[in-house]
Amino acid sequence: MQTHLKAQGISVTTQVAELDYSEFARRSLRTVLSTRGITYAQLAEKLSAMGHAETETSIAQKVRRGTFQFAFFILCMKAIGVASVSIDVPSADSSSEVHL
């Protein structure tokens, strides 16, 4: 993302690192599922058993977009038996690694 500043007739363009929070959310959920060996189909079964109607396709679409609610993330963690999660929130100067 570029920011244009104009002051006293001088135009300055600076590069501003834009954080992609949707990508961070998507990677965070995928990382947890991957490390636990849980597929979207298995997650759908676990969520359905808890009374939350989700299909493999609906989960895949939510994760692909990365725009799911945090409540959905917590529900997924409960479904796969994760008791606690520590998330390092990314900043403009941090690496793109996901630490969970």
PDB file of N, CA and C in Angstrom:
ATOM      1  N   MET A   1       0.846  -1.165   0.000  1.00  0.00           N
ATOM      2  CA  MET A   1       0.000   0.000   0.000  1.00  0.00           C
ATOM      3  C   MET A   1       0.893   1.230   0.000  1.00  0.00           C
ATOM      4  N   GLN A   2       0.549   2.201  -0.820  1.00  0.00           N
ATOM      5  CA  GLN A   2       1.328   3.423  -0.871  1.00  0.00           C
ATOM      6  C   GLN A   2       0.547   4.556  -0.227  1.00  0.00           C
ATOM      7  N   THR A   3       1.254   5.407   0.484  1.00  0.00           N
ATOM      8  CA  THR A   3       0.657   6.580   1.082  1.00  0.00           C
ATOM      9  C   THR A   3       1.275   7.803   0.419  1.00  0.00           C
ATOM     10  N   HIS A   4       0.438   8.707  -0.020  1.00  0.00           N
ATOM     11  CA  HIS A   4       0.913   9.925  -0.655  1.00  0.00           C
ATOM     12  C   HIS A   4       0.724  11.081   0.318  1.00  0.00           C
ATOM     13  N   LEU A   5       1.790  11.815   0.571  1.00  0.00           N
ATOM     14  CA  LEU A   5       1.747  12.960   1.468  1.00  0.00           C
ATOM     15  C   LEU A   5       2.090  14.211   0.685  1.00  0.00           C
ATOM     16  N   LYS A   6       1.319  15.266   0.891  1.00  0.00           N
ATOM     17  CA  LYS A   6       1.634  16.540   0.252  1.00  0.00           C
ATOM     18  C   LYS A   6       1.773  17.595   1.326  1.00  0.00           C
ATOM     19  N   ALA A   7       2.925  18.219   1.366  1.00  0.00           N
ATOM     20  CA  ALA A   7       3.174  19.291   2.312  1.00  0.00           C
ATOM     21  C   ALA A   7       4.027  20.346   1.638  1.00  0.00           C
ATOM     22  N   GLN A   8       3.593  21.573   1.668  1.00  0.00           N
ATOM     23  CA  GLN A   8       4.321  22.705   1.095  1.00  0.00           C
ATOM     24  C   GLN A   8       4.710  22.446  -0.352  1.00  0.00           C
ATOM     25  N   GLY A   9       3.795  21.873  -1.117  1.00  0.00           N
ATOM     26  CA  GLY A   9       4.032  21.652  -2.535  1.00  0.00           C
ATOM     27  C   GLY A   9       4.941  20.486  -2.861  1.00  0.00           C
ATOM     28  N   ILE A  10       5.337  19.702  -1.867  1.00  0.00           N
ATOM     29  CA  ILE A  10       6.218  18.561  -2.093  1.00  0.00           C
ATOM     30  C   ILE A  10       5.391  17.292  -1.954  1.00  0.00           C
ATOM     31  N   SER A  11       5.489  16.412  -2.920  1.00  0.00           N
ATOM     32  CA  SER A  11       4.773  15.141  -2.887  1.00  0.00           C
ATOM     33  C   SER A  11       5.741  14.030  -2.509  1.00  0.00           C
ATOM     34  N   VAL A  12       5.390  13.285  -1.493  1.00  0.00           N
ATOM     35  CA  VAL A  12       6.235  12.188  -1.014  1.00  0.00           C
ATOM     36  C   VAL A  12       5.416  10.912  -1.027  1.00  0.00           C
ATOM     37  N   THR A  13       5.965   9.857  -1.584  1.00  0.00           N
ATOM     38  CA  THR A  13       5.310   8.554  -1.590  1.00  0.00           C
ATOM     39  C   THR A  13       6.096   7.624  -0.697  1.00  0.00           C
ATOM     40  N   THR A  14       5.408   7.017   0.249  1.00  0.00           N
ATOM     41  CA  THR A  14       6.076   6.062   1.140  1.00  0.00           C
ATOM     42  C   THR A  14       5.389   4.725   1.036  1.00  0.00           C
ATOM     43  N   GLN A  15       6.138   3.676   1.240  1.00  0.00           N
ATOM     44  CA  GLN A  15       5.585   2.331   1.256  1.00  0.00           C
ATOM     45  C   GLN A  15       5.122   2.019   2.673  1.00  0.00           C
ATOM     46  N   VAL A  16       3.893   1.587   2.818  1.00  0.00           N
ATOM     47  CA  VAL A  16       3.353   1.206   4.116  1.00  0.00           C
ATOM     48  C   VAL A  16       3.003  -0.274   4.044  1.00  0.00           C
ATOM     49  N   ALA A  17       3.563  -1.047   4.950  1.00  0.00           N
ATOM     50  CA  ALA A  17       3.273  -2.479   4.967  1.00  0.00           C
ATOM     51  C   ALA A  17       1.831  -2.681   5.405  1.00  0.00           C
ATOM     52  N   GLU A  18       1.062  -3.327   4.563  1.00  0.00           N
ATOM     53  CA  GLU A  18      -0.327  -3.603   4.885  1.00  0.00           C
ATOM     54  C   GLU A  18      -0.439  -5.034   5.375  1.00  0.00           C
ATOM     55  N   LEU A  19      -1.002  -5.213   6.541  1.00  0.00           N
ATOM     56  CA  LEU A  19      -1.150  -6.540   7.108  1.00  0.00           C
ATOM     57  C   LEU A  19      -2.395  -7.196   6.542  1.00  0.00           C
ATOM     58  N   ASP A  20      -2.279  -8.436   6.194  1.00  0.00           N
ATOM     59  CA  ASP A  20      -3.402  -9.186   5.659  1.00  0.00           C
ATOM     60  C   ASP A  20      -3.941 -10.069   6.784  1.00  0.00           C
ATOM     61  N   TYR A  21      -4.882  -9.523   7.540  1.00  0.00           N
ATOM     62  CA  TYR A  21      -5.410 -10.239   8.691  1.00  0.00           C
ATOM     63  C   TYR A  21      -6.251 -11.448   8.275  1.00  0.00           C
ATOM     64  N   SER A  22      -6.889 -11.387   7.118  1.00  0.00           N
ATOM     65  CA  SER A  22      -7.640 -12.545   6.634  1.00  0.00           C
ATOM     66  C   SER A  22      -6.700 -13.711   6.373  1.00  0.00           C
ATOM     67  N   GLU A  23      -5.555 -13.408   5.773  1.00  0.00           N
ATOM     68  CA  GLU A  23      -4.554 -14.452   5.510  1.00  0.00           C
ATOM     69  C   GLU A  23      -4.019 -15.012   6.823  1.00  0.00           C
ATOM     70  N   PHE A  24      -3.787 -14.145   7.799  1.00  0.00           N
ATOM     71  CA  PHE A  24      -3.301 -14.585   9.101  1.00  0.00           C
ATOM     72  C   PHE A  24      -4.322 -15.510   9.767  1.00  0.00           C
ATOM     73  N   ALA A  25      -5.612 -15.138   9.716  1.00  0.00           N
ATOM     74  CA  ALA A  25      -6.668 -15.966  10.309  1.00  0.00           C
ATOM     75  C   ALA A  25      -6.737 -17.319   9.608  1.00  0.00           C
ATOM     76  N   ARG A  26      -6.688 -17.303   8.291  1.00  0.00           N
ATOM     77  CA  ARG A  26      -6.750 -18.534   7.496  1.00  0.00           C
ATOM     78  C   ARG A  26      -5.585 -19.456   7.848  1.00  0.00           C
ATOM     79  N   ARG A  27      -4.385 -18.899   7.871  1.00  0.00           N
ATOM     80  CA  ARG A  27      -3.203 -19.714   8.165  1.00  0.00           C
ATOM     81  C   ARG A  27      -3.212 -20.237   9.593  1.00  0.00           C
ATOM     82  N   SER A  28      -3.728 -19.442  10.514  1.00  0.00           N
ATOM     83  CA  SER A  28      -3.785 -19.872  11.916  1.00  0.00           C
ATOM     84  C   SER A  28      -4.669 -21.106  12.063  1.00  0.00           C
ATOM     85  N   LEU A  29      -5.864 -21.060  11.496  1.00  0.00           N
ATOM     86  CA  LEU A  29      -6.774 -22.201  11.603  1.00  0.00           C
ATOM     87  C   LEU A  29      -6.209 -23.408  10.868  1.00  0.00           C
ATOM     88  N   ARG A  30      -5.673 -23.199   9.687  1.00  0.00           N
ATOM     89  CA  ARG A  30      -5.101 -24.316   8.928  1.00  0.00           C
ATOM     90  C   ARG A  30      -3.928 -24.950   9.656  1.00  0.00           C
ATOM     91  N   THR A  31      -3.127 -24.138  10.324  1.00  0.00           N
ATOM     92  CA  THR A  31      -1.983 -24.657  11.071  1.00  0.00           C
ATOM     93  C   THR A  31      -2.433 -25.582  12.190  1.00  0.00           C
ATOM     94  N   VAL A  32      -3.439 -25.150  12.937  1.00  0.00           N
ATOM     95  CA  VAL A  32      -3.937 -25.982  14.042  1.00  0.00           C
ATOM     96  C   VAL A  32      -4.521 -27.279  13.508  1.00  0.00           C
ATOM     97  N   LEU A  33      -5.325 -27.188  12.462  1.00  0.00           N
ATOM     98  CA  LEU A  33      -5.925 -28.400  11.890  1.00  0.00           C
ATOM     99  C   LEU A  33      -4.841 -29.340  11.371  1.00  0.00           C
ATOM    100  N   SER A  34      -3.850 -28.795  10.709  1.00  0.00           N
ATOM    101  CA  SER A  34      -2.777 -29.605  10.145  1.00  0.00           C
ATOM    102  C   SER A  34      -1.964 -30.307  11.230  1.00  0.00           C
ATOM    103  N   THR A  35      -1.602 -29.574  12.264  1.00  0.00           N
ATOM    104  CA  THR A  35      -0.788 -30.190  13.319  1.00  0.00           C
ATOM    105  C   THR A  35      -1.555 -31.265  14.073  1.00  0.00           C
ATOM    106  N   ARG A  36      -2.874 -31.147  14.094  1.00  0.00           N
ATOM    107  CA  ARG A  36      -3.712 -32.165  14.743  1.00  0.00           C
ATOM    108  C   ARG A  36      -4.121 -33.269  13.783  1.00  0.00           C
ATOM    109  N   GLY A  37      -3.810 -33.119  12.499  1.00  0.00           N
ATOM    110  CA  GLY A  37      -4.177 -34.122  11.503  1.00  0.00           C
ATOM    111  C   GLY A  37      -5.675 -34.174  11.239  1.00  0.00           C
ATOM    112  N   ILE A  38      -6.339 -33.039  11.357  1.00  0.00           N
ATOM    113  CA  ILE A  38      -7.793 -32.971  11.180  1.00  0.00           C
ATOM    114  C   ILE A  38      -8.104 -32.412   9.798  1.00  0.00           C
ATOM    115  N   THR A  39      -8.945 -33.128   9.054  1.00  0.00           N
ATOM    116  CA  THR A  39      -9.386 -32.657   7.740  1.00  0.00           C
ATOM    117  C   THR A  39     -10.654 -31.816   7.906  1.00  0.00           C
ATOM    118  N   TYR A  40     -11.015 -31.106   6.853  1.00  0.00           N
ATOM    119  CA  TYR A  40     -12.257 -30.319   6.896  1.00  0.00           C
ATOM    120  C   TYR A  40     -13.468 -31.244   7.087  1.00  0.00           C
ATOM    121  N   ALA A  41     -13.426 -32.418   6.478  1.00  0.00           N
ATOM    122  CA  ALA A  41     -14.533 -33.369   6.623  1.00  0.00           C
ATOM    123  C   ALA A  41     -14.658 -33.829   8.080  1.00  0.00           C
ATOM    124  N   GLN A  42     -13.529 -34.118   8.707  1.00  0.00           N
ATOM    125  CA  GLN A  42     -13.552 -34.530  10.114  1.00  0.00           C
ATOM    126  C   GLN A  42     -14.030 -33.390  11.010  1.00  0.00           C
ATOM    127  N   LEU A  43     -13.588 -32.178  10.710  1.00  0.00           N
ATOM    128  CA  LEU A  43     -14.029 -31.020  11.486  1.00  0.00           C
ATOM    129  C   LEU A  43     -15.527 -30.826  11.341  1.00  0.00           C
ATOM    130  N   ALA A  44     -16.044 -31.002  10.137  1.00  0.00           N
ATOM    131  CA  ALA A  44     -17.487 -30.871   9.902  1.00  0.00           C
ATOM    132  C   ALA A  44     -18.260 -31.889  10.738  1.00  0.00           C
ATOM    133  N   GLU A  45     -17.753 -33.113  10.803  1.00  0.00           N
ATOM    134  CA  GLU A  45     -18.408 -34.153  11.617  1.00  0.00           C
ATOM    135  C   GLU A  45     -18.399 -33.770  13.094  1.00  0.00           C
ATOM    136  N   LYS A  46     -17.271 -33.271  13.573  1.00  0.00           N
ATOM    137  CA  LYS A  46     -17.150 -32.892  14.985  1.00  0.00           C
ATOM    138  C   LYS A  46     -18.061 -31.714  15.317  1.00  0.00           C
ATOM    139  N   LEU A  47     -18.126 -30.738  14.418  1.00  0.00           N
ATOM    140  CA  LEU A  47     -19.002 -29.589  14.645  1.00  0.00           C
ATOM    141  C   LEU A  47     -20.470 -30.007  14.612  1.00  0.00           C
ATOM    142  N   SER A  48     -20.828 -30.895  13.677  1.00  0.00           N
ATOM    143  CA  SER A  48     -22.204 -31.388  13.596  1.00  0.00           C
ATOM    144  C   SER A  48     -22.594 -32.137  14.858  1.00  0.00           C
ATOM    145  N   ALA A  49     -21.661 -32.907  15.400  1.00  0.00           N
ATOM    146  CA  ALA A  49     -21.928 -33.641  16.644  1.00  0.00           C
ATOM    147  C   ALA A  49     -22.183 -32.692  17.809  1.00  0.00           C
ATOM    148  N   MET A  50     -21.636 -31.471  17.706  1.00  0.00           N
ATOM    149  CA  MET A  50     -21.856 -30.469  18.742  1.00  0.00           C
ATOM    150  C   MET A  50     -23.116 -29.633  18.479  1.00  0.00           C
ATOM    151  N   GLY A  51     -23.812 -29.932  17.372  1.00  0.00           N
ATOM    152  CA  GLY A  51     -25.035 -29.207  17.053  1.00  0.00           C
ATOM    153  C   GLY A  51     -24.847 -28.003  16.144  1.00  0.00           C
ATOM    154  N   HIS A  52     -23.698 -27.916  15.489  1.00  0.00           N
ATOM    155  CA  HIS A  52     -23.418 -26.802  14.582  1.00  0.00           C
ATOM    156  C   HIS A  52     -23.298 -27.359  13.171  1.00  0.00           C
ATOM    157  N   ALA A  53     -24.299 -27.094  12.368  1.00  0.00           N
ATOM    158  CA  ALA A  53     -24.366 -27.639  11.018  1.00  0.00           C
ATOM    159  C   ALA A  53     -23.346 -26.968  10.103  1.00  0.00           C
ATOM    160  N   GLU A  54     -22.300 -27.683   9.804  1.00  0.00           N
ATOM    161  CA  GLU A  54     -21.272 -27.245   8.860  1.00  0.00           C
ATOM    162  C   GLU A  54     -20.959 -28.424   7.961  1.00  0.00           C
ATOM    163  N   THR A  55     -20.628 -28.121   6.715  1.00  0.00           N
ATOM    164  CA  THR A  55     -20.213 -29.162   5.787  1.00  0.00           C
ATOM    165  C   THR A  55     -18.735 -28.970   5.473  1.00  0.00           C
ATOM    166  N   GLU A  56     -18.144 -29.976   4.896  1.00  0.00           N
ATOM    167  CA  GLU A  56     -16.744 -29.865   4.487  1.00  0.00           C
ATOM    168  C   GLU A  56     -16.571 -28.671   3.553  1.00  0.00           C
ATOM    169  N   THR A  57     -17.519 -28.492   2.629  1.00  0.00           N
ATOM    170  CA  THR A  57     -17.450 -27.395   1.670  1.00  0.00           C
ATOM    171  C   THR A  57     -17.592 -26.039   2.343  1.00  0.00           C
ATOM    172  N   SER A  58     -18.526 -25.918   3.292  1.00  0.00           N
ATOM    173  CA  SER A  58     -18.721 -24.624   3.950  1.00  0.00           C
ATOM    174  C   SER A  58     -17.490 -24.234   4.772  1.00  0.00           C
ATOM    175  N   ILE A  59     -16.877 -25.219   5.393  1.00  0.00           N
ATOM    176  CA  ILE A  59     -15.657 -24.948   6.158  1.00  0.00           C
ATOM    177  C   ILE A  59     -14.529 -24.548   5.220  1.00  0.00           C
ATOM    178  N   ALA A  60     -14.366 -25.278   4.127  1.00  0.00           N
ATOM    179  CA  ALA A  60     -13.310 -24.970   3.153  1.00  0.00           C
ATOM    180  C   ALA A  60     -13.471 -23.554   2.606  1.00  0.00           C
ATOM    181  N   GLN A  61     -14.701 -23.144   2.345  1.00  0.00           N
ATOM    182  CA  GLN A  61     -14.949 -21.795   1.828  1.00  0.00           C
ATOM    183  C   GLN A  61     -14.617 -20.734   2.863  1.00  0.00           C
ATOM    184  N   LYS A  62     -15.012 -20.964   4.115  1.00  0.00           N
ATOM    185  CA  LYS A  62     -14.707 -20.004   5.179  1.00  0.00           C
ATOM    186  C   LYS A  62     -13.199 -19.856   5.353  1.00  0.00           C
ATOM    187  N   VAL A  63     -12.510 -20.979   5.366  1.00  0.00           N
ATOM    188  CA  VAL A  63     -11.062 -20.945   5.568  1.00  0.00           C
ATOM    189  C   VAL A  63     -10.369 -20.316   4.363  1.00  0.00           C
ATOM    190  N   ARG A  64     -10.820 -20.629   3.163  1.00  0.00           N
ATOM    191  CA  ARG A  64     -10.227 -20.060   1.957  1.00  0.00           C
ATOM    192  C   ARG A  64     -10.340 -18.537   1.967  1.00  0.00           C
ATOM    193  N   ARG A  65     -11.497 -18.016   2.367  1.00  0.00           N
ATOM    194  CA  ARG A  65     -11.689 -16.564   2.433  1.00  0.00           C
ATOM    195  C   ARG A  65     -10.932 -15.949   3.611  1.00  0.00           C
ATOM    196  N   GLY A  66     -10.843 -16.702   4.721  1.00  0.00           N
ATOM    197  CA  GLY A  66     -10.180 -16.183   5.912  1.00  0.00           C
ATOM    198  C   GLY A  66     -10.981 -15.124   6.636  1.00  0.00           C
ATOM    199  N   THR A  67     -12.266 -15.050   6.347  1.00  0.00           N
ATOM    200  CA  THR A  67     -13.096 -13.997   6.943  1.00  0.00           C
ATOM    201  C   THR A  67     -14.093 -14.545   7.949  1.00  0.00           C
ATOM    202  N   PHE A  68     -13.786 -15.691   8.507  1.00  0.00           N
ATOM    203  CA  PHE A  68     -14.679 -16.276   9.503  1.00  0.00           C
ATOM    204  C   PHE A  68     -14.582 -15.499  10.816  1.00  0.00           C
ATOM    205  N   GLN A  69     -15.635 -15.617  11.612  1.00  0.00           N
ATOM    206  CA  GLN A  69     -15.658 -14.942  12.908  1.00  0.00           C
ATOM    207  C   GLN A  69     -14.732 -15.653  13.889  1.00  0.00           C
ATOM    208  N   PHE A  70     -14.258 -14.892  14.861  1.00  0.00           N
ATOM    209  CA  PHE A  70     -13.421 -15.482  15.899  1.00  0.00           C
ATOM    210  C   PHE A  70     -14.202 -16.548  16.658  1.00  0.00           C
ATOM    211  N   ALA A  71     -15.505 -16.359  16.791  1.00  0.00           N
ATOM    212  CA  ALA A  71     -16.348 -17.351  17.457  1.00  0.00           C
ATOM    213  C   ALA A  71     -16.267 -18.695  16.720  1.00  0.00           C
ATOM    214  N   PHE A  72     -16.197 -18.670  15.397  1.00  0.00           N
ATOM    215  CA  PHE A  72     -16.060 -19.898  14.613  1.00  0.00           C
ATOM    216  C   PHE A  72     -14.713 -20.554  14.905  1.00  0.00           C
ATOM    217  N   PHE A  73     -13.663 -19.754  15.004  1.00  0.00           N
ATOM    218  CA  PHE A  73     -12.335 -20.274  15.336  1.00  0.00           C
ATOM    219  C   PHE A  73     -12.369 -20.982  16.689  1.00  0.00           C
ATOM    220  N   ILE A  74     -12.952 -20.333  17.702  1.00  0.00           N
ATOM    221  CA  ILE A  74     -13.032 -20.915  19.046  1.00  0.00           C
ATOM    222  C   ILE A  74     -13.864 -22.204  19.018  1.00  0.00           C
ATOM    223  N   LEU A  75     -14.959 -22.188  18.281  1.00  0.00           N
ATOM    224  CA  LEU A  75     -15.801 -23.377  18.145  1.00  0.00           C
ATOM    225  C   LEU A  75     -15.013 -24.529  17.521  1.00  0.00           C
ATOM    226  N   CYS A  76     -14.208 -24.221  16.516  1.00  0.00           N
ATOM    227  CA  CYS A  76     -13.363 -25.251  15.891  1.00  0.00           C
ATOM    228  C   CYS A  76     -12.354 -25.800  16.891  1.00  0.00           C
ATOM    229  N   MET A  77     -11.761 -24.920  17.686  1.00  0.00           N
ATOM    230  CA  MET A  77     -10.791 -25.366  18.685  1.00  0.00           C
ATOM    231  C   MET A  77     -11.458 -26.300  19.693  1.00  0.00           C
ATOM    232  N   LYS A  78     -12.666 -25.951  20.122  1.00  0.00           N
ATOM    233  CA  LYS A  78     -13.391 -26.802  21.067  1.00  0.00           C
ATOM    234  C   LYS A  78     -13.705 -28.156  20.428  1.00  0.00           C
ATOM    235  N   ALA A  79     -14.129 -28.135  19.174  1.00  0.00           N
ATOM    236  CA  ALA A  79     -14.497 -29.367  18.479  1.00  0.00           C
ATOM    237  C   ALA A  79     -13.325 -30.333  18.357  1.00  0.00           C
ATOM    238  N   ILE A  80     -12.111 -29.824  18.182  1.00  0.00           N
ATOM    239  CA  ILE A  80     -10.969 -30.718  18.000  1.00  0.00           C
ATOM    240  C   ILE A  80     -10.190 -30.929  19.292  1.00  0.00           C
ATOM    241  N   GLY A  81     -10.701 -30.371  20.390  1.00  0.00           N
ATOM    242  CA  GLY A  81     -10.121 -30.659  21.689  1.00  0.00           C
ATOM    243  C   GLY A  81      -8.946 -29.785  22.100  1.00  0.00           C
ATOM    244  N   VAL A  82      -8.831 -28.607  21.522  1.00  0.00           N
ATOM    245  CA  VAL A  82      -7.768 -27.685  21.912  1.00  0.00           C
ATOM    246  C   VAL A  82      -8.254 -26.891  23.121  1.00  0.00           C
ATOM    247  N   ALA A  83      -7.521 -26.992  24.232  1.00  0.00           N
ATOM    248  CA  ALA A  83      -7.938 -26.329  25.469  1.00  0.00           C
ATOM    249  C   ALA A  83      -7.503 -24.871  25.526  1.00  0.00           C
ATOM    250  N   SER A  84      -6.352 -24.551  24.934  1.00  0.00           N
ATOM    251  CA  SER A  84      -5.897 -23.163  24.951  1.00  0.00           C
ATOM    252  C   SER A  84      -5.076 -22.875  23.696  1.00  0.00           C
ATOM    253  N   VAL A  85      -5.106 -21.621  23.298  1.00  0.00           N
ATOM    254  CA  VAL A  85      -4.382 -21.185  22.109  1.00  0.00           C
ATOM    255  C   VAL A  85      -3.703 -19.870  22.436  1.00  0.00           C
ATOM    256  N   SER A  86      -2.452 -19.746  22.050  1.00  0.00           N
ATOM    257  CA  SER A  86      -1.721 -18.495  22.197  1.00  0.00           C
ATOM    258  C   SER A  86      -1.423 -17.985  20.795  1.00  0.00           C
ATOM    259  N   ILE A  87      -1.856 -16.765  20.506  1.00  0.00           N
ATOM    260  CA  ILE A  87      -1.673 -16.202  19.169  1.00  0.00           C
ATOM    261  C   ILE A  87      -0.799 -14.967  19.262  1.00  0.00           C
ATOM    262  N   ASP A  88       0.290 -14.955  18.508  1.00  0.00           N
ATOM    263  CA  ASP A  88       1.122 -13.766  18.385  1.00  0.00           C
ATOM    264  C   ASP A  88       0.538 -12.934  17.256  1.00  0.00           C
ATOM    265  N   VAL A  89      -0.083 -11.820  17.590  1.00  0.00           N
ATOM    266  CA  VAL A  89      -0.717 -10.975  16.594  1.00  0.00           C
ATOM    267  C   VAL A  89       0.377 -10.315  15.757  1.00  0.00           C
ATOM    268  N   PRO A  90       0.252 -10.407  14.433  1.00  0.00           N
ATOM    269  CA  PRO A  90       1.306  -9.868  13.576  1.00  0.00           C
ATOM    270  C   PRO A  90       1.314  -8.339  13.581  1.00  0.00           C
ATOM    271  N   SER A  91       2.490  -7.785  13.349  1.00  0.00           N
ATOM    272  CA  SER A  91       2.612  -6.342  13.182  1.00  0.00           C
ATOM    273  C   SER A  91       3.329  -6.092  11.868  1.00  0.00           C
ATOM    274  N   ALA A  92       3.357  -4.856  11.449  1.00  0.00           N
ATOM    275  CA  ALA A  92       3.957  -4.522  10.158  1.00  0.00           C
ATOM    276  C   ALA A  92       5.415  -4.922  10.075  1.00  0.00           C
ATOM    277  N   ASP A  93       6.122  -4.936  11.203  1.00  0.00           N
ATOM    278  CA  ASP A  93       7.539  -5.250  11.170  1.00  0.00           C
ATOM    279  C   ASP A  93       7.855  -6.691  11.597  1.00  0.00           C
ATOM    280  N   SER A  94       6.819  -7.496  11.812  1.00  0.00           N
ATOM    281  CA  SER A  94       7.060  -8.884  12.204  1.00  0.00           C
ATOM    282  C   SER A  94       7.079  -9.783  10.980  1.00  0.00           C
ATOM    283  N   SER A  95       7.544 -10.980  11.171  1.00  0.00           N
ATOM    284  CA  SER A  95       7.567 -11.942  10.080  1.00  0.00           C
ATOM    285  C   SER A  95       6.151 -12.438   9.828  1.00  0.00           C
ATOM    286  N   SER A  96       5.969 -13.151   8.745  1.00  0.00           N
ATOM    287  CA  SER A  96       4.654 -13.651   8.408  1.00  0.00           C
ATOM    288  C   SER A  96       4.390 -15.030   9.002  1.00  0.00           C
ATOM    289  N   GLU A  97       5.258 -15.491   9.880  1.00  0.00           N
ATOM    290  CA  GLU A  97       5.072 -16.799  10.492  1.00  0.00           C
ATOM    291  C   GLU A  97       3.897 -16.783  11.454  1.00  0.00           C
ATOM    292  N   VAL A  98       3.238 -17.910  11.558  1.00  0.00           N
ATOM    293  CA  VAL A  98       2.113 -18.072  12.476  1.00  0.00           C
ATOM    294  C   VAL A  98       2.595 -18.897  13.648  1.00  0.00           C
ATOM    295  N   HIS A  99       2.469 -18.367  14.851  1.00  0.00           N
ATOM    296  CA  HIS A  99       2.869 -19.072  16.056  1.00  0.00           C
ATOM    297  C   HIS A  99       1.627 -19.370  16.866  1.00  0.00           C
ATOM    298  N   LEU A 100       1.284 -20.628  17.004  1.00  0.00           N
ATOM    299  CA  LEU A 100       0.109 -21.013  17.788  1.00  0.00           C
ATOM    300  C   LEU A 100       0.524 -21.969  18.863  1.00  0.00           C
TER     301      LEU A 100
END
